[in-house]
């Protein structure tokens, strides 16, 4: 392989790695972003980013060089699991709905920096490719750079609106951030609807996969928190929840798993928001002794 071709492959691999990493970043941002023009832009760019990765991979193959095998396929899996994982890494007060406006704004500012880096990456790749006579790679880089420039402009247009949301929430005390309207909550709803149409055998496999995923630290509680934000009374582990007194609810909370406690916590905050109930839940919530503990049966724990 010639020196010029080696350099082209190097730059293509760097660009591909950036796109792969950005898929995960975008999924995390979508998970925490309520419905609206900004999230629509993120979702559109997620599709573009996946396409960019595929186009770069194809060009690398044409040049006789595949991308790093550790990068291949990363970012393809999306949906509810990825978004719940994103929630599991966020501060608990944000998962409960506090400070969400500031987090979304910070994500947007970080996204601007990421887009600027990508624009620089593709500018360099395009210039290199044209300098050595590789017009195919140069045209590819120029095309993707155009997408990144449009995304940067779109984010910059959104930042004033996101800043105004922070002002309303943290200065005027009129917050609008709602966990039930985020990408993660929408994903939970979509999965719930799909599950109703799924055959029993497939459902069993899906439940097994979800159980394995909950063994990642923090996922179980985050899953309960998101589900509670979109739940109805019938979805809770405590029957006739809305008709019970505070004392009656309190007496039943100790029987719940951490997942169900998180679910009740989020449901309560969205509806009656009673301090006594929430304080009781707080005293009962805690980290699992080991990842996946809440998903084990008594026999499995004792073994």
Protein backbone atom coordinates (compact mmCIF):
# COMPACT_ATOMS: atom_id res chain seq x y z
CA UNK A 1 0.00 0.00 0.00
CA UNK A 2 1.41 3.39 -1.01
CA UNK A 3 2.18 6.09 1.54
CA UNK A 4 -0.66 8.28 0.26
CA UNK A 5 -3.15 5.42 0.46
CA UNK A 6 -2.03 4.57 3.98
CA UNK A 7 -2.66 8.16 5.03
CA UNK A 8 -6.12 8.13 3.41
CA UNK A 9 -6.97 4.91 5.25
CA UNK A 10 -5.73 6.41 8.52
CA UNK A 11 -7.97 9.46 8.15
CA UNK A 12 -10.94 7.34 7.09
CA UNK A 13 -10.52 5.12 10.15
CA UNK A 14 -10.34 8.18 12.40
CA UNK A 15 -13.53 9.56 10.85
CA UNK A 16 -15.26 6.19 11.17
CA UNK A 17 -14.31 5.93 14.84
CA UNK A 18 -15.76 9.39 15.43
CA UNK A 19 -19.06 8.44 13.79
CA UNK A 20 -19.29 5.21 15.79
CA UNK A 21 -18.73 7.10 19.03
CA UNK A 22 -21.24 9.77 18.09
CA UNK A 23 -24.00 7.18 17.69
CA UNK A 24 -23.77 6.39 21.41
CA UNK A 25 -23.62 10.08 22.32
CA UNK A 26 -26.70 10.88 20.26
CA UNK A 27 -28.63 7.96 21.75
CA UNK A 28 -27.83 9.22 25.24
CA UNK A 29 -28.88 12.76 24.37
CA UNK A 30 -32.13 11.61 22.77
CA UNK A 31 -32.89 9.59 25.91
CA UNK A 32 -32.80 12.74 28.05
CA UNK A 33 -34.41 15.16 25.58
CA UNK A 34 -38.17 15.85 25.59
CA UNK A 35 -40.13 15.80 22.34
CA UNK A 36 -39.73 18.91 20.21
CA UNK A 37 -37.67 20.43 17.44
CA UNK A 38 -34.33 19.79 19.15
CA UNK A 39 -34.98 16.09 19.70
CA UNK A 40 -36.26 15.79 16.14
CA UNK A 41 -32.94 17.20 14.97
CA UNK A 42 -31.02 14.74 17.13
CA UNK A 43 -33.04 11.80 15.82
CA UNK A 44 -32.48 12.90 12.23
CA UNK A 45 -28.77 13.27 12.83
CA UNK A 46 -28.61 9.84 14.48
CA UNK A 47 -29.88 8.33 11.24
CA UNK A 48 -27.38 10.40 9.27
CA UNK A 49 -24.54 9.38 11.58
CA UNK A 50 -25.28 5.69 11.13
CA UNK A 51 -25.34 6.23 7.37
CA UNK A 52 -22.04 8.12 7.55
CA UNK A 53 -20.45 5.18 9.34
CA UNK A 54 -21.67 2.76 6.69
CA UNK A 55 -20.41 4.96 3.85
CA UNK A 56 -16.99 5.26 5.45
CA UNK A 57 -16.87 1.51 6.05
CA UNK A 58 -17.73 0.88 2.40
CA UNK A 59 -14.98 3.22 1.24
CA UNK A 60 -12.46 1.49 3.49
CA UNK A 61 -13.49 -1.84 2.00
CA UNK A 62 -13.06 -0.46 -1.51
CA UNK A 63 -9.53 0.56 -0.57
CA UNK A 64 -8.85 -2.93 0.73
CA UNK A 65 -8.83 -2.00 4.40
CA UNK A 66 -11.58 -2.69 6.92
CA UNK A 67 -12.17 -0.53 9.97
CA UNK A 68 -11.00 -1.51 13.43
CA UNK A 69 -12.91 -4.74 14.27
CA UNK A 70 -13.52 -3.48 17.79
CA UNK A 71 -15.45 -0.57 16.29
CA UNK A 72 -17.46 -2.58 13.81
CA UNK A 73 -21.10 -2.85 14.76
CA UNK A 74 -20.80 -0.54 17.75
CA UNK A 75 -23.76 1.79 17.93
CA UNK A 76 -26.05 -0.35 15.80
CA UNK A 77 -28.12 -1.54 18.77
CA UNK A 78 -30.49 1.17 19.91
CA UNK A 79 -33.95 1.37 21.39
CA UNK A 80 -35.07 1.15 24.96
CA UNK A 81 -32.05 -0.69 26.41
CA UNK A 82 -29.56 1.88 25.17
CA UNK A 83 -31.72 4.75 26.36
CA UNK A 84 -32.32 3.21 29.78
CA UNK A 85 -28.57 2.67 30.07
CA UNK A 86 -28.14 6.36 29.37
CA UNK A 87 -30.55 7.20 32.17
CA UNK A 88 -28.70 4.87 34.53
CA UNK A 89 -25.61 7.06 34.17
CA UNK A 90 -27.39 10.31 35.04
CA UNK A 91 -27.75 11.87 38.49
CA UNK A 92 -30.83 10.63 40.37
CA UNK A 93 -32.29 14.12 40.76
CA UNK A 94 -32.23 14.51 36.97
CA UNK A 95 -33.87 11.12 36.42
CA UNK A 96 -36.59 12.32 38.79
CA UNK A 97 -37.11 15.41 36.67
CA UNK A 98 -34.99 18.08 38.38
CA UNK A 99 -32.50 20.19 36.44
CA UNK A 100 -33.40 18.61 33.13
CA UNK A 101 -33.44 21.89 31.23
CA UNK A 102 -29.83 22.64 32.20
CA UNK A 103 -28.70 19.14 31.23
CA UNK A 104 -30.31 19.40 27.79
CA UNK A 105 -28.64 22.78 27.22
CA UNK A 106 -25.25 21.40 28.30
CA UNK A 107 -25.70 18.47 25.92
CA UNK A 108 -26.43 20.92 23.10
CA UNK A 109 -23.26 22.90 23.83
CA UNK A 110 -21.25 19.67 23.90
CA UNK A 111 -22.85 18.69 20.59
CA UNK A 112 -21.63 21.95 19.04
CA UNK A 113 -18.07 21.07 20.01
CA UNK A 114 -18.48 17.57 18.59
CA UNK A 115 -19.82 18.88 15.29
CA UNK A 116 -16.95 21.36 15.01
CA UNK A 117 -14.48 18.51 15.50
CA UNK A 118 -16.20 16.46 12.82
CA UNK A 119 -16.19 19.37 10.38
CA UNK A 120 -12.44 19.76 10.93
CA UNK A 121 -11.95 16.00 10.49
CA UNK A 122 -13.75 15.92 7.14
CA UNK A 123 -12.15 19.15 5.95
CA UNK A 124 -8.73 17.57 6.49
CA UNK A 125 -9.78 14.29 4.88
CA UNK A 126 -11.21 16.06 1.84
CA UNK A 127 -8.09 18.19 1.34
CA UNK A 128 -5.79 15.19 1.76
CA UNK A 129 -7.77 13.11 -0.71
CA UNK A 130 -7.84 15.83 -3.36
CA UNK A 131 -4.11 16.45 -2.91
CA UNK A 132 -3.31 12.82 -3.76
CA UNK A 133 -5.89 12.49 -6.53
CA UNK A 134 -8.50 10.39 -4.66
CA UNK A 135 -11.63 12.20 -5.82
CA UNK A 136 -13.97 9.46 -4.58
CA UNK A 137 -12.84 9.86 -0.98
CA UNK A 138 -12.73 13.64 -1.35
CA UNK A 139 -16.33 13.76 -2.56
CA UNK A 140 -17.41 11.45 0.27
CA UNK A 141 -15.72 13.65 2.87
CA UNK A 142 -17.24 16.80 1.38
CA UNK A 143 -20.72 15.29 1.40
CA UNK A 144 -20.53 14.22 5.05
CA UNK A 145 -18.96 17.54 6.05
CA UNK A 146 -22.00 19.27 4.57
CA UNK A 147 -24.30 17.22 6.82
CA UNK A 148 -22.22 18.11 9.88
CA UNK A 149 -22.29 21.82 9.03
CA UNK A 150 -26.08 21.73 8.72
CA UNK A 151 -26.35 19.99 12.09
CA UNK A 152 -24.10 22.54 13.76
CA UNK A 153 -26.25 25.36 12.40
CA UNK A 154 -29.38 23.60 13.62
CA UNK A 155 -28.01 23.19 17.14
CA UNK A 156 -26.92 26.83 17.27
CA UNK A 157 -30.45 27.83 16.31
CA UNK A 158 -31.82 25.72 19.19
CA UNK A 159 -29.50 27.01 21.93
CA UNK A 160 -31.38 30.31 22.55
CA UNK A 161 -34.63 28.36 23.06
CA UNK A 162 -32.94 25.85 25.34
CA UNK A 163 -31.43 28.70 27.35
CA UNK A 164 -34.84 30.31 27.75
CA UNK A 165 -36.11 27.01 29.14
CA UNK A 166 -33.33 27.10 31.75
CA UNK A 167 -34.30 30.66 32.70
CA UNK A 168 -37.94 29.69 33.14
CA UNK A 169 -37.01 26.64 35.22
CA UNK A 170 -34.21 27.93 37.43
CA UNK A 171 -34.82 31.68 37.61
CA UNK A 172 -38.59 31.96 37.34
CA UNK A 173 -39.38 28.63 38.98
CA UNK A 174 -41.51 27.44 36.09
CA UNK A 175 -39.78 24.27 34.92
CA UNK A 176 -41.15 22.30 31.99
CA UNK A 177 -38.83 19.27 31.91
CA UNK A 178 -40.94 16.11 31.97
CA UNK A 179 -39.32 12.68 32.09
CA UNK A 180 -42.43 11.12 30.58
CA UNK A 181 -41.83 13.08 27.36
CA UNK A 182 -38.18 12.11 26.86
CA UNK A 183 -36.84 9.74 24.24
CA UNK A 184 -36.31 7.04 26.87
CA UNK A 185 -39.94 7.23 27.98
CA UNK A 186 -41.15 7.08 24.38
CA UNK A 187 -38.96 4.03 23.83
CA UNK A 188 -40.50 2.33 26.88
CA UNK A 189 -43.98 3.02 25.53
CA UNK A 190 -43.07 1.71 22.08
CA UNK A 191 -41.66 -1.49 23.52
CA UNK A 192 -44.76 -1.93 25.66
CA UNK A 193 -47.02 -1.66 22.63
CA UNK A 194 -44.86 -4.06 20.64
CA UNK A 195 -44.86 -6.58 23.47
CA UNK A 196 -48.65 -6.83 23.33
CA UNK A 197 -48.39 -8.00 19.73
CA UNK A 198 -45.55 -10.45 20.28
CA UNK A 199 -45.94 -14.21 20.52
CA UNK A 200 -45.46 -15.81 23.94
CA UNK A 201 -42.19 -17.53 23.03
CA UNK A 202 -40.67 -14.35 21.68
CA UNK A 203 -41.88 -12.46 24.74
CA UNK A 204 -40.09 -14.96 26.97
CA UNK A 205 -36.87 -14.40 25.06
CA UNK A 206 -37.32 -10.65 25.30
CA UNK A 207 -37.85 -10.88 29.05
CA UNK A 208 -34.72 -12.99 29.39
CA UNK A 209 -32.73 -10.40 27.44
CA UNK A 210 -34.10 -7.57 29.57
CA UNK A 211 -33.22 -9.49 32.71
CA UNK A 212 -29.64 -9.88 31.55
CA UNK A 213 -29.45 -6.17 30.74
CA UNK A 214 -30.66 -5.24 34.23
CA UNK A 215 -27.54 -6.87 35.62
CA UNK A 216 -25.67 -3.75 34.52
CA UNK A 217 -25.38 -1.60 37.67
CA UNK A 218 -28.04 1.11 37.85
CA UNK A 219 -30.17 -0.11 34.96
CA UNK A 220 -32.86 -1.74 37.11
CA UNK A 221 -33.67 1.42 39.06
CA UNK A 222 -33.47 3.62 35.98
CA UNK A 223 -35.85 1.29 34.16
CA UNK A 224 -38.35 1.53 37.01
CA UNK A 225 -38.01 5.31 37.08
CA UNK A 226 -38.79 5.65 33.38
CA UNK A 227 -41.66 3.17 33.47
CA UNK A 228 -43.19 4.98 36.43
CA UNK A 229 -43.20 8.24 34.51
CA UNK A 230 -45.41 6.73 31.82
CA UNK A 231 -47.32 4.23 33.97
CA UNK A 232 -51.00 4.09 34.83
CA UNK A 233 -52.27 2.99 38.24
CA UNK A 234 -52.79 -0.55 36.91
CA UNK A 235 -49.10 -0.84 36.05
CA UNK A 236 -47.93 -0.43 39.65
CA UNK A 237 -47.03 -3.31 41.96
CA UNK A 238 -49.42 -1.91 44.61
CA UNK A 239 -53.04 -2.63 43.71
CA UNK A 240 -55.57 0.23 43.85
CA UNK A 241 -52.71 2.64 44.53
CA UNK A 242 -54.67 5.85 43.96
CA UNK A 243 -57.36 4.80 46.43
CA UNK A 244 -54.99 3.98 49.30
CA UNK A 245 -54.05 6.32 52.12
CA UNK A 246 -50.47 7.39 52.74
CA UNK A 247 -50.20 4.94 55.64
CA UNK A 248 -51.57 2.07 53.56
CA UNK A 249 -49.09 2.76 50.79
CA UNK A 250 -46.24 3.07 53.27
CA UNK A 251 -47.00 -0.34 54.75
CA UNK A 252 -46.68 -1.98 51.34
CA UNK A 253 -43.53 -0.27 50.08
CA UNK A 254 -41.14 -2.53 52.00
CA UNK A 255 -42.44 -5.51 49.99
CA UNK A 256 -41.34 -4.03 46.66
CA UNK A 257 -38.18 -4.61 44.65
CA UNK A 258 -35.88 -1.72 43.83
CA UNK A 259 -37.34 -1.65 40.31
CA UNK A 260 -40.90 -1.34 41.62
CA UNK A 261 -39.86 1.24 44.24
CA UNK A 262 -38.36 3.37 41.49
CA UNK A 263 -41.52 2.93 39.45
CA UNK A 264 -43.74 4.04 42.35
CA UNK A 265 -41.38 6.93 43.09
CA UNK A 266 -41.68 8.31 39.57
CA UNK A 267 -45.46 7.74 39.42
CA UNK A 268 -45.97 9.46 42.77
CA UNK A 269 -43.86 12.47 41.77
CA UNK A 270 -45.82 12.87 38.56
CA UNK A 271 -49.20 12.66 40.27
CA UNK A 272 -49.83 13.41 43.97
CA UNK A 273 -46.20 14.11 44.93
CA UNK A 274 -46.72 13.39 48.65
CA UNK A 275 -43.63 14.02 50.74
CA UNK A 276 -44.40 11.26 53.24
CA UNK A 277 -44.58 8.61 50.52
CA UNK A 278 -41.47 9.86 48.74
CA UNK A 279 -39.46 10.02 51.97
CA UNK A 280 -40.45 6.44 52.78
CA UNK A 281 -39.31 5.30 49.33
CA UNK A 282 -36.00 7.11 49.79
CA UNK A 283 -35.31 5.22 53.03
CA UNK A 284 -35.97 1.91 51.28
CA UNK A 285 -34.01 2.55 48.12
CA UNK A 286 -30.39 1.54 47.93
CA UNK A 287 -27.72 0.03 45.75
CA UNK A 288 -27.97 -3.67 44.96
CA UNK A 289 -25.51 -5.88 46.91
CA UNK A 290 -24.24 -6.94 43.49
CA UNK A 291 -25.34 -6.21 39.90
CA UNK A 292 -28.53 -8.07 39.00
CA UNK A 293 -29.50 -8.78 42.64
CA UNK A 294 -33.05 -7.49 42.15
CA UNK A 295 -33.57 -9.93 39.29
CA UNK A 296 -32.64 -13.04 41.31
CA UNK A 297 -34.99 -15.47 43.00
CA UNK A 298 -34.52 -16.43 46.66
CA UNK A 299 -32.97 -19.73 45.58
CA UNK A 300 -30.52 -17.94 43.29
CA UNK A 301 -29.50 -15.53 46.07
CA UNK A 302 -28.94 -18.38 48.53
CA UNK A 303 -26.94 -20.48 46.07
